[in-house]
N, C-alpha and C. Protein backbone atom coordinates (compact mmCIF):
# COMPACT_ATOMS: atom_id res chain seq x y z
N UNK A 1 55.96 13.04 -7.97
CA UNK A 1 56.37 13.34 -6.53
C UNK A 1 56.58 14.35 -6.15
N UNK A 2 55.99 15.39 -5.52
CA UNK A 2 57.07 16.75 -4.93
C UNK A 2 57.67 16.30 -4.73
N UNK A 3 58.91 16.74 -4.89
CA UNK A 3 59.94 17.00 -3.93
C UNK A 3 60.00 17.41 -2.47
N UNK A 4 60.25 16.60 -1.12
CA UNK A 4 60.35 17.07 -0.17
C UNK A 4 61.38 18.31 0.32
N UNK A 5 61.14 19.73 0.85
CA UNK A 5 62.53 20.15 0.80
C UNK A 5 63.37 20.11 2.39
N UNK A 6 64.10 20.57 2.45
CA UNK A 6 64.61 19.80 3.72
C UNK A 6 64.70 20.44 4.91
N UNK A 7 63.92 21.58 4.77
CA UNK A 7 63.49 21.63 6.00
C UNK A 7 61.73 22.63 5.31
N UNK A 8 61.86 23.71 6.70
CA UNK A 8 60.33 24.65 5.61
C UNK A 8 60.43 25.00 4.64
N UNK A 9 61.81 26.09 4.22
CA UNK A 9 61.61 26.48 3.30
C UNK A 9 62.18 26.19 2.36
N UNK A 10 62.06 25.79 1.06
CA UNK A 10 62.84 25.51 -0.39
C UNK A 10 64.52 26.24 0.04
N UNK A 11 64.79 25.89 -0.64
CA UNK A 11 66.83 26.20 -0.88
C UNK A 11 66.80 26.32 -2.19
N UNK A 12 66.83 25.88 -3.05
CA UNK A 12 66.87 26.50 -4.27
C UNK A 12 66.80 28.35 -4.79
N UNK A 13 67.70 28.11 -5.45
CA UNK A 13 68.50 29.92 -5.43
C UNK A 13 67.85 30.30 -6.71
N UNK A 14 66.49 31.23 -7.04
CA UNK A 14 66.11 31.25 -8.42
C UNK A 14 65.90 32.98 -8.44
N UNK A 15 66.18 33.39 -9.08
CA UNK A 15 65.98 34.82 -8.88
C UNK A 15 63.71 35.01 -9.96
N UNK A 16 63.28 35.26 -8.42
CA UNK A 16 61.49 35.18 -8.70
C UNK A 16 61.41 37.22 -9.17
N UNK A 17 60.07 36.71 -8.27
CA UNK A 17 59.80 38.60 -9.48
C UNK A 17 59.48 39.23 -8.68
N UNK A 18 60.72 40.25 -9.66
CA UNK A 18 60.57 41.93 -7.63
C UNK A 18 59.40 42.44 -7.53
N UNK A 19 59.32 42.64 -5.84
CA UNK A 19 59.48 42.66 -4.93
C UNK A 19 58.75 44.38 -4.40
N UNK A 20 57.95 44.90 -3.85
CA UNK A 20 58.41 45.80 -2.91
C UNK A 20 58.46 45.24 -1.27
N UNK A 21 60.01 45.45 -1.22
CA UNK A 21 60.25 45.37 0.17
C UNK A 21 60.36 45.86 0.96
N UNK A 22 59.90 45.98 2.67
CA UNK A 22 59.49 46.98 3.37
C UNK A 22 61.18 46.54 4.89
N UNK A 23 62.24 46.90 4.39
CA UNK A 23 63.15 46.39 5.38
C UNK A 23 63.34 46.83 6.86
N UNK A 24 62.88 46.14 7.83
CA UNK A 24 63.00 46.38 9.26
C UNK A 24 64.21 45.76 9.99
N UNK A 25 65.51 47.27 10.11
CA UNK A 25 66.60 46.30 11.40
C UNK A 25 66.74 46.59 12.22
N UNK A 26 66.85 46.21 12.41
CA UNK A 26 67.80 46.18 14.12
C UNK A 26 69.34 46.76 14.05
N UNK A 27 69.39 48.19 13.75
CA UNK A 27 71.63 47.68 13.71
C UNK A 27 72.48 47.67 14.51
N UNK A 28 72.01 47.28 15.77
CA UNK A 28 72.64 47.01 16.97
C UNK A 28 72.86 45.29 16.94
N UNK A 29 71.66 44.32 16.58
CA UNK A 29 71.73 43.15 16.64
C UNK A 29 72.92 42.59 15.98
N UNK A 30 73.47 41.20 16.61
CA UNK A 30 74.33 41.02 15.88
C UNK A 30 75.95 41.69 16.33
N UNK A 31 76.40 41.45 15.53
CA UNK A 31 77.82 42.31 15.96
C UNK A 31 78.81 42.68 14.22
N UNK A 32 80.00 43.02 14.44
CA UNK A 32 80.30 43.72 13.29
C UNK A 32 80.62 42.69 12.06
N UNK A 33 80.61 40.98 12.12
CA UNK A 33 80.33 40.42 11.20
C UNK A 33 79.49 40.29 10.22
N UNK A 34 78.12 41.09 10.76
CA UNK A 34 76.91 40.98 9.93
C UNK A 34 76.54 42.18 9.09
N UNK A 35 75.84 41.87 8.27
CA UNK A 35 75.61 43.30 7.29
C UNK A 35 75.65 44.19 7.67
N UNK A 36 75.68 45.41 7.73
CA UNK A 36 74.36 46.81 7.58
C UNK A 36 74.12 47.16 7.06
N UNK A 37 73.73 47.95 6.92
CA UNK A 37 72.54 48.52 6.36
C UNK A 37 72.24 49.17 5.10
N UNK A 38 73.42 48.96 4.54
CA UNK A 38 73.82 49.76 4.05
C UNK A 38 74.33 48.21 2.76
N UNK A 39 74.74 46.78 3.09
CA UNK A 39 75.36 45.82 3.09
C UNK A 39 73.33 44.97 2.75
N UNK A 40 72.69 44.98 3.16
CA UNK A 40 71.27 44.75 3.47
C UNK A 40 71.04 45.50 2.02
N UNK A 41 70.69 46.57 2.35
CA UNK A 41 70.42 46.55 0.78
C UNK A 41 70.95 46.96 -0.29
N UNK A 42 71.75 46.70 -0.56
CA UNK A 42 72.15 46.36 -1.42
C UNK A 42 72.38 44.41 -1.77
N UNK A 43 71.93 44.17 -1.16
CA UNK A 43 71.43 42.49 -0.89
C UNK A 43 70.30 42.33 -0.98
N UNK A 44 69.51 43.22 -1.32
CA UNK A 44 67.80 43.16 -1.21
C UNK A 44 67.71 43.47 -3.40
N UNK A 45 68.45 44.16 -3.32
CA UNK A 45 68.49 45.79 -4.79
C UNK A 45 69.37 44.47 -5.39
N UNK A 46 70.17 43.74 -5.01
CA UNK A 46 71.15 43.18 -6.35
C UNK A 46 69.87 42.02 -6.13
N UNK A 47 68.89 41.35 -5.46
CA UNK A 47 68.05 40.55 -6.38
C UNK A 47 66.60 40.67 -7.07
N UNK A 48 66.88 41.65 -7.35
CA UNK A 48 66.08 42.98 -8.03
C UNK A 48 64.50 43.49 -7.54
N UNK A 49 64.93 43.66 -6.38
CA UNK A 49 63.69 43.91 -5.40
C UNK A 49 64.27 45.57 -5.30
N UNK A 50 63.24 45.99 -5.24
CA UNK A 50 62.96 47.73 -4.42
C UNK A 50 63.00 47.77 -2.62
N UNK A 51 63.73 48.49 -2.24
CA UNK A 51 63.36 47.99 -0.27
C UNK A 51 63.29 49.54 -0.63
N UNK A 52 62.58 50.06 0.59
CA UNK A 52 62.33 50.82 2.06
C UNK A 52 62.82 50.58 3.02
N UNK A 53 63.68 50.95 3.96
CA UNK A 53 64.13 51.09 5.09
C UNK A 53 63.54 51.53 5.97
N UNK A 54 64.02 50.77 7.21
CA UNK A 54 63.09 51.78 8.39
C UNK A 54 63.87 50.64 9.36
N UNK A 55 64.79 51.91 10.96
CA UNK A 55 65.34 51.12 12.03
C UNK A 55 64.81 50.89 13.09
N UNK A 56 64.47 49.61 13.67
CA UNK A 56 63.72 49.18 14.24
C UNK A 56 63.23 49.90 15.47
N UNK A 57 64.42 50.78 15.55
CA UNK A 57 64.22 51.81 17.26
C UNK A 57 63.69 52.74 16.85
N UNK A 58 63.44 53.26 15.69
CA UNK A 58 63.10 54.25 15.01
C UNK A 58 60.95 54.46 15.49
N UNK A 59 61.02 55.50 15.68
CA UNK A 59 59.40 55.47 16.39
C UNK A 59 58.07 55.28 15.31
N UNK A 60 58.74 56.02 14.50
CA UNK A 60 57.40 55.87 13.12
C UNK A 60 57.63 54.78 12.73
N UNK A 61 58.41 53.48 13.03
CA UNK A 61 58.12 52.23 12.96
C UNK A 61 56.66 51.74 12.77
N UNK A 62 55.83 52.17 13.32
CA UNK A 62 54.17 51.32 13.38
C UNK A 62 53.69 51.63 12.06
N UNK A 63 54.26 53.01 11.44
CA UNK A 63 53.66 53.99 10.65
C UNK A 63 54.48 53.62 9.29
N UNK A 64 55.17 53.30 9.21
CA UNK A 64 55.93 52.18 8.13
C UNK A 64 55.91 51.60 7.84
N UNK A 65 55.00 50.44 8.64
CA UNK A 65 54.79 49.69 8.27
C UNK A 65 53.80 49.35 7.47
N UNK A 66 52.59 50.40 7.50
CA UNK A 66 51.64 50.45 6.91
C UNK A 66 51.21 50.95 5.69
N UNK A 67 53.47 51.55 5.23
CA UNK A 67 52.86 51.53 3.98
C UNK A 67 53.28 50.38 2.48
N UNK A 68 52.58 50.52 1.20
CA UNK A 68 51.99 49.67 0.26
C UNK A 68 53.59 48.27 0.70
N UNK A 69 53.64 47.10 0.78
CA UNK A 69 54.60 46.69 0.03
C UNK A 69 54.18 44.88 -0.01
N UNK A 70 54.89 43.92 -0.64
CA UNK A 70 54.76 42.84 -1.09
C UNK A 70 55.17 41.87 0.15
N UNK A 71 56.04 41.86 0.30
CA UNK A 71 56.88 41.91 1.58
C UNK A 71 57.31 43.35 2.49
N UNK A 72 57.75 41.91 4.29
CA UNK A 72 58.46 42.95 4.84
C UNK A 72 59.59 41.73 5.61
N UNK A 73 60.89 42.11 5.57
CA UNK A 73 61.97 41.65 5.45
C UNK A 73 62.43 42.53 6.69
N UNK A 74 62.54 41.13 8.01
CA UNK A 74 62.79 41.58 8.89
C UNK A 74 64.93 41.39 9.83
N UNK A 75 65.67 42.53 9.86
CA UNK A 75 66.92 41.81 10.04
C UNK A 75 67.01 42.24 11.34
N UNK A 76 67.26 41.18 11.73
CA UNK A 76 67.49 41.20 13.44
C UNK A 76 67.43 40.14 14.65
N UNK A 77 67.22 40.02 15.36
CA UNK A 77 67.29 39.07 16.49
C UNK A 77 65.78 37.91 16.40
N UNK A 78 65.08 37.93 17.91
CA UNK A 78 63.77 37.73 18.18
C UNK A 78 63.35 38.32 19.13
N UNK A 79 63.48 39.13 18.69
CA UNK A 79 63.56 40.87 20.19
C UNK A 79 62.54 41.10 18.27
N UNK A 80 63.41 41.69 18.09
CA UNK A 80 62.78 42.17 16.49
C UNK A 80 61.97 42.11 15.55
N UNK A 81 62.17 40.36 15.54
CA UNK A 81 61.01 39.62 14.98
C UNK A 81 60.05 39.50 15.75
N UNK A 82 59.44 38.89 16.69
CA UNK A 82 58.23 39.22 17.91
C UNK A 82 58.12 40.70 17.90
N UNK A 83 58.95 41.93 17.70
CA UNK A 83 58.17 42.92 17.78
C UNK A 83 57.63 43.42 16.62
N UNK A 84 57.23 42.75 14.65
CA UNK A 84 57.59 43.74 13.96
C UNK A 84 55.97 42.58 12.97
N UNK A 85 56.54 41.10 14.09
CA UNK A 85 54.74 40.62 14.05
C UNK A 85 53.75 40.97 14.45
N UNK A 86 53.94 41.20 16.19
CA UNK A 86 53.44 41.54 16.60
C UNK A 86 51.93 43.09 16.30
N UNK A 87 53.76 43.98 15.47
CA UNK A 87 52.65 44.95 14.54
C UNK A 87 52.40 44.58 13.41
N UNK A 88 52.34 43.41 12.82
CA UNK A 88 51.39 43.32 11.15
C UNK A 88 50.09 42.17 11.60
N UNK A 89 50.40 41.62 12.19
CA UNK A 89 50.11 40.49 12.74
C UNK A 89 48.45 40.43 12.19
N UNK A 90 48.00 41.71 12.44
CA UNK A 90 46.10 41.67 11.70
C UNK A 90 46.68 41.97 10.08
N UNK A 91 47.68 42.15 9.74
CA UNK A 91 47.98 42.32 7.91
C UNK A 91 48.05 41.25 7.24
N UNK A 92 47.77 40.72 5.96
CA UNK A 92 48.24 39.62 5.25
C UNK A 92 49.75 39.79 4.07
N UNK A 93 50.44 41.04 5.20
CA UNK A 93 51.96 40.92 3.97
C UNK A 93 53.01 39.84 4.41
N UNK A 94 53.53 39.29 3.91
CA UNK A 94 54.34 38.50 3.97
C UNK A 94 55.59 38.68 5.01
N UNK A 95 56.00 37.99 6.22
CA UNK A 95 57.34 39.14 6.27
C UNK A 95 58.61 37.67 6.16
N UNK A 96 59.32 37.66 6.76
CA UNK A 96 61.05 37.00 5.61
C UNK A 96 61.87 37.63 6.71
N UNK A 97 63.03 36.89 7.27
CA UNK A 97 63.38 36.33 8.30
C UNK A 97 65.02 37.19 7.74
N UNK A 98 65.77 37.48 8.32
CA UNK A 98 67.10 37.89 7.84
C UNK A 98 68.02 37.35 9.17
N UNK A 99 67.86 36.98 9.70
CA UNK A 99 68.39 37.09 10.88
C UNK A 99 70.58 36.89 10.83
N UNK A 100 70.24 37.70 12.26
CA UNK A 100 71.29 38.75 12.01
C UNK A 100 71.67 39.26 13.87
N UNK A 101 70.71 37.92 14.78
CA UNK A 101 70.52 38.44 15.80
C UNK A 101 71.91 37.41 16.73
N UNK A 102 71.38 37.07 17.69
CA UNK A 102 72.57 36.38 18.94
C UNK A 102 71.76 35.08 18.28
N UNK A 103 70.09 35.13 19.41
CA UNK A 103 70.39 33.60 18.90
C UNK A 103 69.26 32.50 18.38
N UNK A 104 68.80 34.12 17.80
CA UNK A 104 68.12 33.89 16.51
C UNK A 104 66.96 32.22 16.60
N UNK A 105 66.41 31.96 17.67
CA UNK A 105 65.72 30.60 18.08
C UNK A 105 64.74 30.84 16.57
N UNK A 106 63.74 31.68 16.49
CA UNK A 106 62.96 32.06 15.75
C UNK A 106 63.68 31.24 14.13
N UNK A 107 64.08 32.01 13.69
CA UNK A 107 65.21 31.64 12.20
C UNK A 107 65.23 29.79 12.42
N UNK A 108 66.04 29.64 13.55
CA UNK A 108 66.14 28.28 12.92
C UNK A 108 65.12 27.68 13.84
N UNK A 109 64.02 27.74 13.95
CA UNK A 109 63.05 26.56 14.03
C UNK A 109 62.82 26.82 12.33
N UNK A 110 62.77 27.80 11.64
CA UNK A 110 62.08 27.82 10.49
C UNK A 110 62.80 27.55 9.82
N UNK A 111 64.63 27.30 9.88
CA UNK A 111 65.27 26.62 8.80
C UNK A 111 66.06 27.64 8.29
N UNK A 112 65.79 28.79 8.68
CA UNK A 112 66.50 29.78 7.98
C UNK A 112 68.07 30.13 7.93
N UNK A 113 68.42 29.90 9.67
CA UNK A 113 70.18 29.62 9.77
C UNK A 113 70.69 28.85 8.81
N UNK A 114 70.65 28.23 7.81
CA UNK A 114 70.92 26.91 6.97
C UNK A 114 71.28 27.24 5.70
N UNK A 115 70.83 28.42 5.48
CA UNK A 115 71.02 29.14 4.53
C UNK A 115 72.12 30.61 4.37
N UNK A 116 72.90 30.52 3.24
CA UNK A 116 73.92 31.55 3.70
C UNK A 116 72.48 32.74 3.09
N UNK A 117 72.80 33.94 4.57
CA UNK A 117 71.99 35.12 4.23
C UNK A 117 72.39 35.85 2.77
N UNK A 118 72.95 35.82 2.09
CA UNK A 118 73.04 36.71 1.00
C UNK A 118 71.77 35.98 -0.01
N UNK A 119 71.33 34.63 0.49
CA UNK A 119 70.84 34.09 -1.08
C UNK A 119 68.88 34.23 -0.50
N UNK A 120 68.81 34.60 0.52
CA UNK A 120 67.80 35.06 1.29
C UNK A 120 66.78 35.64 0.64
N UNK A 121 67.11 36.89 0.09
CA UNK A 121 65.97 38.12 -1.25
C UNK A 121 66.21 36.73 -2.54
N UNK A 122 66.82 36.27 -2.64
CA UNK A 122 66.93 35.37 -4.36
C UNK A 122 65.57 35.29 -4.32
N UNK A 123 65.16 34.50 -3.00
CA UNK A 123 64.39 33.05 -2.66
C UNK A 123 62.81 33.72 -2.05
N UNK A 124 63.07 34.99 -1.84
CA UNK A 124 61.50 35.28 -0.93
C UNK A 124 60.32 35.40 -2.69
N UNK A 125 60.32 35.57 -3.27
CA UNK A 125 59.20 35.43 -4.34
C UNK A 125 58.38 33.53 -4.52
N UNK A 126 59.35 32.62 -4.39
CA UNK A 126 59.23 32.06 -4.61
C UNK A 126 59.03 30.71 -3.15
N UNK A 127 58.92 31.24 -2.10
CA UNK A 127 59.16 30.81 -0.91
C UNK A 127 57.88 30.15 -0.73
N UNK A 128 58.05 29.12 0.10
CA UNK A 128 56.81 28.71 0.75
C UNK A 128 56.20 28.95 1.84
N UNK A 129 55.40 29.87 2.18
CA UNK A 129 54.88 30.59 3.47
C UNK A 129 54.56 29.15 3.78
N UNK A 130 54.39 29.73 5.33
CA UNK A 130 53.52 29.34 6.22
C UNK A 130 53.32 30.07 7.50
N UNK A 131 52.47 29.41 8.98
CA UNK A 131 51.91 30.18 9.43
C UNK A 131 52.34 30.24 10.54
N UNK A 132 52.03 31.12 11.40
CA UNK A 132 52.99 30.90 12.85
C UNK A 132 51.79 31.71 13.97
N UNK A 133 52.05 31.28 15.17
CA UNK A 133 51.76 31.45 15.96
C UNK A 133 51.30 32.52 16.60
N UNK A 134 50.23 33.02 17.20
CA UNK A 134 51.11 34.23 18.39
C UNK A 134 49.78 34.06 19.57
N UNK A 135 50.38 34.53 20.71
CA UNK A 135 49.91 33.71 21.67
C UNK A 135 49.38 34.94 22.64
N UNK A 136 48.81 34.97 23.53
CA UNK A 136 48.51 36.45 24.24
C UNK A 136 48.13 35.89 25.23
N UNK A 137 49.17 36.20 26.56
CA UNK A 137 49.02 35.89 27.95
C UNK A 137 48.28 37.32 28.48
N UNK A 138 47.04 36.81 29.57
CA UNK A 138 46.92 37.94 30.47
C UNK A 138 46.67 37.64 31.66
N UNK A 139 46.98 38.47 33.24
CA UNK A 139 46.91 37.95 34.28
C UNK A 139 46.30 39.78 35.48
N UNK A 140 46.79 39.99 36.07
CA UNK A 140 46.18 40.71 36.80
C UNK A 140 46.58 41.83 36.45
N UNK A 141 47.47 41.93 35.46
CA UNK A 141 48.48 43.12 35.08
C UNK A 141 47.90 43.61 33.59
N UNK A 142 46.97 43.02 33.11
CA UNK A 142 46.51 43.47 31.85
C UNK A 142 46.98 42.05 30.70
N UNK A 143 46.78 42.11 29.55
CA UNK A 143 47.05 41.50 28.15
C UNK A 143 48.16 41.56 27.46
N UNK A 144 48.56 40.77 27.10
CA UNK A 144 50.65 40.89 26.05
C UNK A 144 50.28 39.50 25.24
N UNK A 145 51.18 40.18 23.75
CA UNK A 145 51.06 39.01 23.18
C UNK A 145 52.34 38.26 23.00
N UNK A 146 52.74 37.59 23.04
CA UNK A 146 54.22 37.13 22.99
C UNK A 146 53.82 36.37 21.43
N UNK A 147 55.18 36.51 21.29
CA UNK A 147 55.24 35.31 19.73
C UNK A 147 56.82 33.74 20.11
N UNK A 148 57.32 34.25 20.71
CA UNK A 148 57.87 32.75 20.68
C UNK A 148 58.66 32.56 22.31
N UNK A 149 58.10 33.86 23.46
CA UNK A 149 57.91 33.27 24.93
C UNK A 149 57.79 34.32 25.39
N UNK A 150 57.33 33.64 26.58
CA UNK A 150 57.19 35.46 27.70
C UNK A 150 57.64 34.16 28.94
N UNK A 151 57.65 35.57 30.21
CA UNK A 151 58.32 35.31 31.38
C UNK A 151 57.82 35.51 32.67
N UNK A 152 58.12 34.77 33.35
CA UNK A 152 57.13 34.95 34.63
C UNK A 152 58.20 34.81 35.69
N UNK A 153 56.98 36.22 36.61
CA UNK A 153 58.41 36.17 37.96
C UNK A 153 59.31 36.69 37.93
N UNK A 154 60.29 36.59 38.44
CA UNK A 154 61.14 37.46 39.25
C UNK A 154 62.66 38.61 37.58
N UNK A 155 62.39 37.97 36.88
CA UNK A 155 62.89 38.13 35.66
C UNK A 155 62.58 39.15 34.82
N UNK A 156 61.22 39.48 34.75
CA UNK A 156 60.91 40.40 33.86
C UNK A 156 60.23 41.11 35.27
N UNK A 157 59.85 41.18 36.32
CA UNK A 157 60.34 41.39 37.41
C UNK A 157 61.73 43.50 37.00
N UNK A 158 62.23 42.00 37.40
CA UNK A 158 63.88 43.05 37.42
C UNK A 158 64.09 43.88 35.84
N UNK A 159 63.21 43.38 35.16
CA UNK A 159 63.52 43.89 33.15
C UNK A 159 62.86 45.30 33.33
N UNK A 160 61.96 45.36 33.98
CA UNK A 160 60.96 46.49 34.03
C UNK A 160 61.62 47.31 35.22
N UNK A 161 62.11 47.30 36.13
CA UNK A 161 62.45 48.01 36.85
C UNK A 161 64.13 48.72 36.60
N UNK A 162 64.35 48.16 35.98
CA UNK A 162 65.87 48.05 34.60
C UNK A 162 65.97 49.39 34.14
N UNK A 163 64.06 49.54 33.33
CA UNK A 163 64.60 50.01 31.44
C UNK A 163 63.51 51.00 32.86
N UNK A 164 62.73 51.17 34.14
CA UNK A 164 62.84 52.63 34.96
C UNK A 164 63.40 53.05 35.23
N UNK A 165 64.23 51.87 35.95
CA UNK A 165 65.91 53.34 35.91
C UNK A 165 66.38 53.60 35.19
N UNK A 166 66.35 53.49 33.67
CA UNK A 166 67.01 53.80 32.41
C UNK A 166 66.43 55.01 32.46
N UNK A 167 65.00 54.87 32.17
CA UNK A 167 64.22 56.53 31.84
C UNK A 167 64.55 57.14 32.06
N UNK A 168 64.47 56.75 34.05
CA UNK A 168 64.22 57.77 34.57
C UNK A 168 66.01 58.66 35.23
N UNK A 169 67.12 57.96 34.36
CA UNK A 169 68.13 58.44 34.68
C UNK A 169 68.37 60.11 34.00
N UNK A 170 69.69 60.81 34.18
CA UNK A 170 69.77 61.67 33.90
C UNK A 170 70.39 61.73 32.06
N UNK A 171 69.60 62.09 30.63
CA UNK A 171 70.74 61.85 29.82
C UNK A 171 71.87 62.53 29.71
N UNK A 172 72.50 60.69 28.77
CA UNK A 172 73.76 61.39 28.77
C UNK A 172 75.04 60.56 30.51
N UNK A 173 74.29 59.72 31.01
CA UNK A 173 74.72 59.63 32.60
C UNK A 173 75.22 57.95 31.85
N UNK A 174 76.61 58.07 32.86
CA UNK A 174 76.66 56.90 32.65
C UNK A 174 76.16 55.50 33.28
N UNK A 175 75.59 54.24 32.53
CA UNK A 175 75.04 53.52 33.19
C UNK A 175 75.90 52.52 34.31
N UNK A 176 74.66 52.23 35.60
CA UNK A 176 74.78 51.63 36.30
C UNK A 176 74.27 50.40 36.76
N UNK A 177 75.46 49.62 37.56
CA UNK A 177 74.72 48.14 37.35
C UNK A 177 74.02 47.87 37.56
N UNK A 178 72.75 46.98 37.68
CA UNK A 178 70.84 46.88 37.94
C UNK A 178 71.00 45.70 39.61
N UNK A 179 70.53 46.13 40.82
CA UNK A 179 70.44 45.10 41.16
C UNK A 179 69.25 44.78 41.48
N UNK A 180 68.95 43.31 41.68
CA UNK A 180 67.49 42.95 42.79
C UNK A 180 67.50 43.24 43.80
N UNK A 181 66.30 43.87 44.79
CA UNK A 181 66.48 44.16 46.24
C UNK A 181 66.10 43.17 46.49
N UNK A 182 67.62 42.58 47.13
CA UNK A 182 67.20 41.04 47.51
C UNK A 182 66.40 40.96 49.27
N UNK A 183 66.49 42.04 49.70
CA UNK A 183 65.87 42.01 51.34
C UNK A 183 64.31 42.02 50.97
N UNK A 184 63.56 42.36 49.66
CA UNK A 184 61.62 42.07 49.35
C UNK A 184 62.26 40.94 49.21
N UNK A 185 62.60 40.93 47.82
CA UNK A 185 62.23 39.35 47.51
C UNK A 185 62.69 38.03 48.74
N UNK A 186 63.91 37.53 49.31
CA UNK A 186 64.43 36.37 50.09
C UNK A 186 62.59 36.74 51.09
N UNK A 187 62.42 38.07 51.72
CA UNK A 187 60.97 37.80 52.34
C UNK A 187 60.00 37.43 51.92
N UNK A 188 59.96 37.61 50.22
CA UNK A 188 58.49 37.14 50.16
C UNK A 188 58.54 35.47 49.51
N UNK A 189 59.85 34.89 49.24
CA UNK A 189 60.27 34.02 49.29
C UNK A 189 60.17 33.33 50.42
N UNK A 190 60.50 33.96 51.93
CA UNK A 190 60.18 33.51 53.35
C UNK A 190 59.00 33.04 53.48
N UNK A 191 58.31 33.72 53.34
CA UNK A 191 56.69 33.76 53.76
C UNK A 191 56.04 33.01 52.52
N UNK A 192 56.30 32.73 51.64
CA UNK A 192 55.60 31.90 50.72
C UNK A 192 55.38 30.31 50.97
N UNK A 193 53.98 29.92 50.78
CA UNK A 193 53.88 28.37 50.97
C UNK A 193 54.68 27.34 49.89
N UNK A 194 55.70 26.17 51.03
CA UNK A 194 56.18 25.57 50.07
C UNK A 194 54.83 24.92 48.85
N UNK A 195 55.51 24.57 47.76
CA UNK A 195 55.06 24.15 46.73
C UNK A 195 55.72 23.17 45.70
N UNK A 196 54.80 22.00 45.56
CA UNK A 196 55.15 21.62 44.53
C UNK A 196 54.71 21.06 43.22
N UNK A 197 55.37 21.23 42.01
CA UNK A 197 54.36 21.51 40.50
C UNK A 197 54.63 20.21 39.62
N UNK A 198 53.37 19.36 39.22
CA UNK A 198 53.69 18.39 38.34
C UNK A 198 53.27 19.31 37.42
N UNK A 199 52.74 17.68 36.69
CA UNK A 199 52.23 18.15 35.62
C UNK A 199 50.67 19.00 35.21
N UNK A 200 49.74 18.47 36.86
CA UNK A 200 48.51 18.60 36.56
C UNK A 200 48.52 20.19 36.76
N UNK A 201 49.13 20.50 38.38
CA UNK A 201 49.61 21.68 38.65
C UNK A 201 50.68 22.99 37.63
N UNK A 202 51.29 22.86 36.64
CA UNK A 202 51.85 23.56 35.60
C UNK A 202 51.09 23.69 34.55
N UNK A 203 49.61 22.94 34.29
CA UNK A 203 49.14 23.02 33.39
C UNK A 203 47.47 24.22 33.57
N UNK A 204 47.54 23.77 35.04
CA UNK A 204 46.37 25.24 35.51
C UNK A 204 46.93 26.15 35.88
N UNK A 205 48.31 26.54 35.75
CA UNK A 205 49.00 27.77 35.77
C UNK A 205 49.32 28.62 33.91
N UNK A 206 49.65 27.85 32.99
CA UNK A 206 49.25 28.13 31.83
C UNK A 206 47.65 28.44 31.73
N UNK A 207 47.25 27.50 32.21
CA UNK A 207 45.79 27.69 31.33
C UNK A 207 44.90 29.40 31.60
N UNK A 208 45.78 29.70 33.03
CA UNK A 208 45.75 30.68 33.66
C UNK A 208 46.00 31.96 32.91
N UNK A 209 47.25 31.67 32.60
CA UNK A 209 48.54 33.10 32.13
C UNK A 209 47.84 32.92 30.65
N UNK A 210 47.28 32.44 30.21
CA UNK A 210 46.90 32.14 28.24
C UNK A 210 45.56 31.68 28.12
N UNK A 211 44.98 33.34 27.32
CA UNK A 211 44.12 33.08 27.14
C UNK A 211 43.47 32.20 26.06
N UNK A 212 44.48 32.02 24.97
CA UNK A 212 44.33 31.28 23.56
C UNK A 212 44.98 32.13 22.89
N UNK A 213 45.69 30.72 21.85
CA UNK A 213 46.26 31.02 20.91
C UNK A 213 46.03 31.50 19.64
N UNK A 214 46.66 32.47 18.79
CA UNK A 214 45.57 33.06 17.58
C UNK A 214 46.38 32.76 16.32
N UNK A 215 45.76 31.38 15.33
CA UNK A 215 46.33 31.27 13.90
C UNK A 215 46.32 32.45 13.41
């Protein structure tokens, strides 16, 4: 009988077949205690793999992800993982997560935070492959794909306004605290009809918001 793994990936450390790895790294994720670009590259090469590097902030990332590769390794948090998944979901190249973010919700769900980071590259050749769902949210604003979560209401609206304010600020200017305009929000909530959400009404909301799940 086959042995049941302790989580979704087998934790046995084995030096597998060398692979061509594309490493996508968010250099700003995590903190100083986590491996930097040089350490990550050394870690992957020590496992016998060849590796090509691209920062997750590089505007050439979509083009870099089209390079021939046996595996795309993602070193970063949930935002970086989701970004790469959405750029590569139409390809059949496997993805591997090196959790170097803050929350690492996706990596935790996959059981990857239970394994020391430096042991991951030696397991890629023999690791169990699984599928990840990609959601598609649709509304009056259009459609967008998401991996871990999506937001509704005031928070995403505030994020959009903050990004727009940052983009329009003079280059090199010091950042200023962003504040949501309280008066329009208060007026909107004051005039909104009272509502109570139950299982059926919430199901209707999400049925309208989510067109489909693509496996």
